[in-house]
């Protein structure tokens, strides 16, 4: 019975991914803002969307920019990182729930490499998050290892902060331009700072390895 439920859940997720690919044009930051802006539940709706996006392989960049458009820089970052963490936890939990934990550890050819990465704990997770790897793919890959929840969550947070800041700032500066305030220079500087931070953290992580 439990196996049947897990298989059904996996089929539903796969069907959702196919629909996302088929209708990927729908996932536009401005459209997301238009749909939920003005609702008192906008933050909760947004976090829920991020969880669904993580499970269905929707690019996190779209929602990071949407957060900036919806909530501005400060609250946009708060809700974007909260949603990203909730989505990361959901993706990790789903793969573990279907019983795939440790699968990569016993995979011929990369098993030892994965075991070495696991010894790095949260730092290895942060390095992967800083790399140009899709959010959902990283969630799935990490869940297929024997990493602990603690290392996964700490590393995910540390690795996702720089690019989340950059994504939200793109949206926030775009919103400012749309509203005619013209503060795009400050937004561009903050974006450059976020990208530089991501680059420097990646370099530091490589040296640590």
C-alpha atoms as a PDB file:
ATOM      1  CA  UNK A   1       0.000   0.000   0.000  1.00  0.00           C
ATOM      2  CA  UNK A   2       2.755   2.454   0.982  1.00  0.00           C
ATOM      3  CA  UNK A   3       4.760   1.611  -2.129  1.00  0.00           C
ATOM      4  CA  UNK A   4       1.686   2.257  -4.256  1.00  0.00           C
ATOM      5  CA  UNK A   5       1.197   5.687  -2.631  1.00  0.00           C
ATOM      6  CA  UNK A   6       4.821   6.593  -3.245  1.00  0.00           C
ATOM      7  CA  UNK A   7       4.652   5.502  -6.869  1.00  0.00           C
ATOM      8  CA  UNK A   8       1.449   7.506  -7.362  1.00  0.00           C
ATOM      9  CA  UNK A   9       3.072  10.590  -5.809  1.00  0.00           C
ATOM     10  CA  UNK A  10       6.103  10.202  -8.064  1.00  0.00           C
ATOM     11  CA  UNK A  11       3.887   9.894 -11.134  1.00  0.00           C
ATOM     12  CA  UNK A  12       2.016  13.069 -10.133  1.00  0.00           C
ATOM     13  CA  UNK A  13       5.279  14.973  -9.710  1.00  0.00           C
ATOM     14  CA  UNK A  14       6.523  13.761 -13.104  1.00  0.00           C
ATOM     15  CA  UNK A  15       3.229  14.760 -14.701  1.00  0.00           C
ATOM     16  CA  UNK A  16       3.561  18.185 -13.083  1.00  0.00           C
ATOM     17  CA  UNK A  17       7.082  18.592 -14.439  1.00  0.00           C
ATOM     18  CA  UNK A  18       5.846  17.754 -17.953  1.00  0.00           C
ATOM     19  CA  UNK A  19       3.092  20.373 -17.636  1.00  0.00           C
ATOM     20  CA  UNK A  20       5.610  22.963 -16.414  1.00  0.00           C
ATOM     21  CA  UNK A  21       7.822  22.301 -19.438  1.00  0.00           C
ATOM     22  CA  UNK A  22       4.805  22.447 -21.744  1.00  0.00           C
ATOM     23  CA  UNK A  23       3.510  25.735 -20.322  1.00  0.00           C
ATOM     24  CA  UNK A  24       6.802  27.279 -19.213  1.00  0.00           C
ATOM     25  CA  UNK A  25       5.852  30.652 -20.764  1.00  0.00           C
ATOM     26  CA  UNK A  26       3.297  31.080 -17.960  1.00  0.00           C
ATOM     27  CA  UNK A  27       6.073  31.394 -15.376  1.00  0.00           C
ATOM     28  CA  UNK A  28       6.872  35.066 -15.718  1.00  0.00           C
ATOM     29  CA  UNK A  29       7.816  37.314 -12.736  1.00  0.00           C
ATOM     30  CA  UNK A  30       5.496  40.137 -13.813  1.00  0.00           C
ATOM     31  CA  UNK A  31       2.600  37.708 -14.283  1.00  0.00           C
ATOM     32  CA  UNK A  32       3.188  36.176 -10.847  1.00  0.00           C
ATOM     33  CA  UNK A  33       3.144  39.639  -9.297  1.00  0.00           C
ATOM     34  CA  UNK A  34      -0.059  40.550 -11.095  1.00  0.00           C
ATOM     35  CA  UNK A  35      -1.792  37.388  -9.889  1.00  0.00           C
ATOM     36  CA  UNK A  36      -1.081  37.687  -6.161  1.00  0.00           C
ATOM     37  CA  UNK A  37      -0.319  41.384  -5.574  1.00  0.00           C
ATOM     38  CA  UNK A  38      -2.775  43.043  -3.228  1.00  0.00           C
ATOM     39  CA  UNK A  39      -3.745  39.858  -1.423  1.00  0.00           C
ATOM     40  CA  UNK A  40      -3.315  39.869   2.349  1.00  0.00           C
ATOM     41  CA  UNK A  41      -2.020  36.320   1.988  1.00  0.00           C
ATOM     42  CA  UNK A  42       0.533  37.231  -0.695  1.00  0.00           C
ATOM     43  CA  UNK A  43       3.588  36.163   1.396  1.00  0.00           C
ATOM     44  CA  UNK A  44       2.057  32.767   2.202  1.00  0.00           C
ATOM     45  CA  UNK A  45       0.916  32.272  -1.395  1.00  0.00           C
ATOM     46  CA  UNK A  46       4.393  33.168  -2.596  1.00  0.00           C
ATOM     47  CA  UNK A  47       6.102  30.711  -0.238  1.00  0.00           C
ATOM     48  CA  UNK A  48       3.635  28.026  -1.343  1.00  0.00           C
ATOM     49  CA  UNK A  49       4.468  28.758  -4.970  1.00  0.00           C
ATOM     50  CA  UNK A  50       8.157  28.342  -4.195  1.00  0.00           C
ATOM     51  CA  UNK A  51       7.541  24.949  -2.610  1.00  0.00           C
ATOM     52  CA  UNK A  52       5.561  23.808  -5.658  1.00  0.00           C
ATOM     53  CA  UNK A  53       8.221  25.264  -7.965  1.00  0.00           C
ATOM     54  CA  UNK A  54      10.955  23.307  -6.192  1.00  0.00           C
ATOM     55  CA  UNK A  55       9.059  20.066  -6.662  1.00  0.00           C
ATOM     56  CA  UNK A  56       8.213  20.776 -10.300  1.00  0.00           C
ATOM     57  CA  UNK A  57      11.625  22.079 -11.440  1.00  0.00           C
ATOM     58  CA  UNK A  58      10.511  25.671 -12.058  1.00  0.00           C
ATOM     59  CA  UNK A  59      13.639  27.909 -12.179  1.00  0.00           C
ATOM     60  CA  UNK A  60      14.151  29.654  -8.832  1.00  0.00           C
ATOM     61  CA  UNK A  61      15.382  32.779 -10.614  1.00  0.00           C
ATOM     62  CA  UNK A  62      11.840  33.499 -11.827  1.00  0.00           C
ATOM     63  CA  UNK A  63      10.485  33.517  -8.279  1.00  0.00           C
ATOM     64  CA  UNK A  64      13.447  35.438  -6.881  1.00  0.00           C
ATOM     65  CA  UNK A  65      12.773  38.244  -9.347  1.00  0.00           C
ATOM     66  CA  UNK A  66       9.035  38.030  -8.631  1.00  0.00           C
ATOM     67  CA  UNK A  67       9.783  38.470  -4.911  1.00  0.00           C
ATOM     68  CA  UNK A  68      11.582  41.723  -5.631  1.00  0.00           C
ATOM     69  CA  UNK A  69       8.720  42.951  -7.811  1.00  0.00           C
ATOM     70  CA  UNK A  70       6.133  42.027  -5.181  1.00  0.00           C
ATOM     71  CA  UNK A  71       7.701  42.954  -1.880  1.00  0.00           C
ATOM     72  CA  UNK A  72      10.704  45.179  -2.592  1.00  0.00           C
ATOM     73  CA  UNK A  73      14.293  44.498  -1.618  1.00  0.00           C
ATOM     74  CA  UNK A  74      14.088  43.806   2.128  1.00  0.00           C
ATOM     75  CA  UNK A  75      10.843  41.850   2.415  1.00  0.00           C
ATOM     76  CA  UNK A  76      11.426  40.377  -1.015  1.00  0.00           C
ATOM     77  CA  UNK A  77      14.639  38.814   0.235  1.00  0.00           C
ATOM     78  CA  UNK A  78      12.940  37.590   3.433  1.00  0.00           C
ATOM     79  CA  UNK A  79      10.154  35.826   1.562  1.00  0.00           C
ATOM     80  CA  UNK A  80      12.393  34.630  -1.264  1.00  0.00           C
ATOM     81  CA  UNK A  81      14.896  32.948   1.067  1.00  0.00           C
ATOM     82  CA  UNK A  82      12.065  31.585   3.250  1.00  0.00           C
ATOM     83  CA  UNK A  83      10.383  30.101   0.190  1.00  0.00           C
ATOM     84  CA  UNK A  84      13.657  28.808  -1.202  1.00  0.00           C
ATOM     85  CA  UNK A  85      14.427  27.041   2.078  1.00  0.00           C
ATOM     86  CA  UNK A  86      10.902  25.639   2.322  1.00  0.00           C
ATOM     87  CA  UNK A  87      11.142  24.419  -1.266  1.00  0.00           C
ATOM     88  CA  UNK A  88      14.573  22.915  -0.674  1.00  0.00           C
ATOM     89  CA  UNK A  89      13.245  21.093   2.394  1.00  0.00           C
ATOM     90  CA  UNK A  90      10.201  19.842   0.475  1.00  0.00           C
ATOM     91  CA  UNK A  91      12.295  18.537  -2.420  1.00  0.00           C
ATOM     92  CA  UNK A  92      14.740  16.836  -0.064  1.00  0.00           C
ATOM     93  CA  UNK A  93      11.939  15.323   2.025  1.00  0.00           C
ATOM     94  CA  UNK A  94      10.093  14.003  -1.029  1.00  0.00           C
ATOM     95  CA  UNK A  95      13.116  12.157  -2.416  1.00  0.00           C
ATOM     96  CA  UNK A  96      13.904  10.727   1.032  1.00  0.00           C
ATOM     97  CA  UNK A  97      10.253   9.740   1.476  1.00  0.00           C
ATOM     98  CA  UNK A  98      10.201   7.644  -1.686  1.00  0.00           C
ATOM     99  CA  UNK A  99      13.211   5.767  -0.327  1.00  0.00           C
ATOM    100  CA  UNK A 100      16.042   6.994  -2.536  1.00  0.00           C
ATOM    101  CA  UNK A 101      18.433   8.174   0.202  1.00  0.00           C
ATOM    102  CA  UNK A 102      22.009   6.992  -0.295  1.00  0.00           C
ATOM    103  CA  UNK A 103      21.453   5.899  -3.879  1.00  0.00           C
ATOM    104  CA  UNK A 104      24.397   7.913  -5.176  1.00  0.00           C
ATOM    105  CA  UNK A 105      26.711   6.456  -2.537  1.00  0.00           C
ATOM    106  CA  UNK A 106      26.421   3.008  -4.099  1.00  0.00           C
ATOM    107  CA  UNK A 107      26.501   4.188  -7.715  1.00  0.00           C
ATOM    108  CA  UNK A 108      29.531   2.728  -9.546  1.00  0.00           C
ATOM    109  CA  UNK A 109      32.113   5.304 -10.501  1.00  0.00           C
ATOM    110  CA  UNK A 110      30.882   8.183  -8.340  1.00  0.00           C
ATOM    111  CA  UNK A 111      30.180   6.471  -5.029  1.00  0.00           C
ATOM    112  CA  UNK A 112      33.547   7.374  -3.506  1.00  0.00           C
ATOM    113  CA  UNK A 113      33.313  10.919  -4.818  1.00  0.00           C
ATOM    114  CA  UNK A 114      29.928  11.315  -3.154  1.00  0.00           C
ATOM    115  CA  UNK A 115      31.263   9.906   0.107  1.00  0.00           C
ATOM    116  CA  UNK A 116      34.084  12.452   0.038  1.00  0.00           C
ATOM    117  CA  UNK A 117      31.562  15.231  -0.543  1.00  0.00           C
ATOM    118  CA  UNK A 118      29.523  13.992   2.408  1.00  0.00           C
ATOM    119  CA  UNK A 119      32.509  14.332   4.709  1.00  0.00           C
ATOM    120  CA  UNK A 120      32.501  18.049   3.876  1.00  0.00           C
ATOM    121  CA  UNK A 121      29.036  18.347   5.418  1.00  0.00           C
ATOM    122  CA  UNK A 122      27.265  21.663   5.022  1.00  0.00           C
ATOM    123  CA  UNK A 123      30.256  23.197   3.239  1.00  0.00           C
ATOM    124  CA  UNK A 124      29.859  20.756   0.352  1.00  0.00           C
ATOM    125  CA  UNK A 125      26.189  21.680   0.120  1.00  0.00           C
ATOM    126  CA  UNK A 126      27.049  25.397   0.068  1.00  0.00           C
ATOM    127  CA  UNK A 127      29.569  24.836  -2.734  1.00  0.00           C
ATOM    128  CA  UNK A 128      26.931  23.057  -4.838  1.00  0.00           C
ATOM    129  CA  UNK A 129      24.393  25.819  -4.174  1.00  0.00           C
ATOM    130  CA  UNK A 130      26.896  28.418  -5.363  1.00  0.00           C
ATOM    131  CA  UNK A 131      27.500  26.507  -8.587  1.00  0.00           C
ATOM    132  CA  UNK A 132      25.242  27.109 -11.630  1.00  0.00           C
ATOM    133  CA  UNK A 133      23.126  24.022 -10.868  1.00  0.00           C
ATOM    134  CA  UNK A 134      19.299  24.291 -11.056  1.00  0.00           C
ATOM    135  CA  UNK A 135      17.699  24.522  -7.611  1.00  0.00           C
ATOM    136  CA  UNK A 136      15.440  21.474  -7.993  1.00  0.00           C
ATOM    137  CA  UNK A 137      18.209  19.357  -9.500  1.00  0.00           C
ATOM    138  CA  UNK A 138      20.454  20.195  -6.537  1.00  0.00           C
ATOM    139  CA  UNK A 139      17.660  19.280  -4.101  1.00  0.00           C
ATOM    140  CA  UNK A 140      17.239  15.906  -5.770  1.00  0.00           C
ATOM    141  CA  UNK A 141      20.950  15.145  -6.059  1.00  0.00           C
ATOM    142  CA  UNK A 142      21.630  16.004  -2.412  1.00  0.00           C
ATOM    143  CA  UNK A 143      18.675  13.931  -1.246  1.00  0.00           C
ATOM    144  CA  UNK A 144      20.164  10.922  -3.063  1.00  0.00           C
ATOM    145  CA  UNK A 145      23.167  11.044  -0.732  1.00  0.00           C
ATOM    146  CA  UNK A 146      23.436  10.278   2.977  1.00  0.00           C
ATOM    147  CA  UNK A 147      23.841  13.900   4.020  1.00  0.00           C
ATOM    148  CA  UNK A 148      22.088  14.831   7.243  1.00  0.00           C
ATOM    149  CA  UNK A 149      19.189  17.250   7.383  1.00  0.00           C
ATOM    150  CA  UNK A 150      21.312  19.616   9.473  1.00  0.00           C
ATOM    151  CA  UNK A 151      24.121  19.814   6.904  1.00  0.00           C
ATOM    152  CA  UNK A 152      21.643  20.097   4.069  1.00  0.00           C
ATOM    153  CA  UNK A 153      19.706  23.007   5.543  1.00  0.00           C
ATOM    154  CA  UNK A 154      22.704  24.967   6.840  1.00  0.00           C
ATOM    155  CA  UNK A 155      24.619  24.522   3.588  1.00  0.00           C
ATOM    156  CA  UNK A 156      21.581  25.377   1.479  1.00  0.00           C
ATOM    157  CA  UNK A 157      21.012  28.609   3.367  1.00  0.00           C
ATOM    158  CA  UNK A 158      24.660  29.651   3.180  1.00  0.00           C
ATOM    159  CA  UNK A 159      24.891  28.866  -0.529  1.00  0.00           C
ATOM    160  CA  UNK A 160      21.573  30.379  -1.635  1.00  0.00           C
ATOM    161  CA  UNK A 161      21.831  33.763   0.084  1.00  0.00           C
ATOM    162  CA  UNK A 162      24.140  35.524  -2.468  1.00  0.00           C
ATOM    163  CA  UNK A 163      22.164  34.724  -5.614  1.00  0.00           C
ATOM    164  CA  UNK A 164      18.843  35.215  -3.831  1.00  0.00           C
ATOM    165  CA  UNK A 165      19.964  38.748  -3.004  1.00  0.00           C
ATOM    166  CA  UNK A 166      20.917  39.299  -6.644  1.00  0.00           C
ATOM    167  CA  UNK A 167      17.645  37.885  -7.995  1.00  0.00           C
ATOM    168  CA  UNK A 168      15.481  39.896  -5.607  1.00  0.00           C
ATOM    169  CA  UNK A 169      17.389  43.068  -6.408  1.00  0.00           C
ATOM    170  CA  UNK A 170      16.742  42.554 -10.119  1.00  0.00           C
ATOM    171  CA  UNK A 171      13.022  42.429  -9.350  1.00  0.00           C
ATOM    172  CA  UNK A 172      13.124  45.294  -6.855  1.00  0.00           C
ATOM    173  CA  UNK A 173      15.024  47.599  -9.196  1.00  0.00           C
ATOM    174  CA  UNK A 174      12.679  46.621 -12.008  1.00  0.00           C
ATOM    175  CA  UNK A 175       9.693  47.504  -9.842  1.00  0.00           C
ATOM    176  CA  UNK A 176      11.223  50.889  -9.077  1.00  0.00           C
ATOM    177  CA  UNK A 177      11.657  51.582 -12.784  1.00  0.00           C
ATOM    178  CA  UNK A 178       8.064  50.520 -13.497  1.00  0.00           C
ATOM    179  CA  UNK A 179       6.822  52.914 -10.806  1.00  0.00           C
ATOM    180  CA  UNK A 180       8.810  55.786 -12.288  1.00  0.00           C
ATOM    181  CA  UNK A 181      11.124  56.316  -9.316  1.00  0.00           C
ATOM    182  CA  UNK A 182      14.229  55.843 -11.449  1.00  0.00           C
ATOM    183  CA  UNK A 183      16.441  54.387  -8.704  1.00  0.00           C
ATOM    184  CA  UNK A 184      17.883  51.809 -11.055  1.00  0.00           C
ATOM    185  CA  UNK A 185      21.488  52.863 -10.406  1.00  0.00           C
ATOM    186  CA  UNK A 186      21.338  51.801  -6.746  1.00  0.00           C
ATOM    187  CA  UNK A 187      19.634  48.584  -7.801  1.00  0.00           C
ATOM    188  CA  UNK A 188      22.338  47.844 -10.336  1.00  0.00           C
ATOM    189  CA  UNK A 189      25.058  48.434  -7.744  1.00  0.00           C
ATOM    190  CA  UNK A 190      23.390  46.073  -5.282  1.00  0.00           C
ATOM    191  CA  UNK A 191      23.017  43.455  -8.018  1.00  0.00           C
ATOM    192  CA  UNK A 192      26.707  43.751  -8.849  1.00  0.00           C
ATOM    193  CA  UNK A 193      27.533  43.389  -5.152  1.00  0.00           C
ATOM    194  CA  UNK A 194      25.445  40.217  -4.919  1.00  0.00           C
ATOM    195  CA  UNK A 195      27.085  38.698  -7.964  1.00  0.00           C
ATOM    196  CA  UNK A 196      30.549  39.613  -6.662  1.00  0.00           C
ATOM    197  CA  UNK A 197      29.726  38.019  -3.301  1.00  0.00           C
ATOM    198  CA  UNK A 198      28.662  34.832  -5.056  1.00  0.00           C
ATOM    199  CA  UNK A 199      31.914  34.766  -7.045  1.00  0.00           C
ATOM    200  CA  UNK A 200      34.087  35.374  -3.973  1.00  0.00           C
ATOM    201  CA  UNK A 201      32.265  32.722  -1.941  1.00  0.00           C
ATOM    202  CA  UNK A 202      32.726  30.218  -4.752  1.00  0.00           C
ATOM    203  CA  UNK A 203      36.450  30.980  -4.853  1.00  0.00           C
ATOM    204  CA  UNK A 204      36.720  30.639  -1.089  1.00  0.00           C
ATOM    205  CA  UNK A 205      34.843  27.320  -1.183  1.00  0.00           C
ATOM    206  CA  UNK A 206      37.199  26.007  -3.873  1.00  0.00           C
ATOM    207  CA  UNK A 207      40.228  26.924  -1.777  1.00  0.00           C
ATOM    208  CA  UNK A 208      38.668  25.219   1.248  1.00  0.00           C
ATOM    209  CA  UNK A 209      38.232  22.017  -0.789  1.00  0.00           C
END
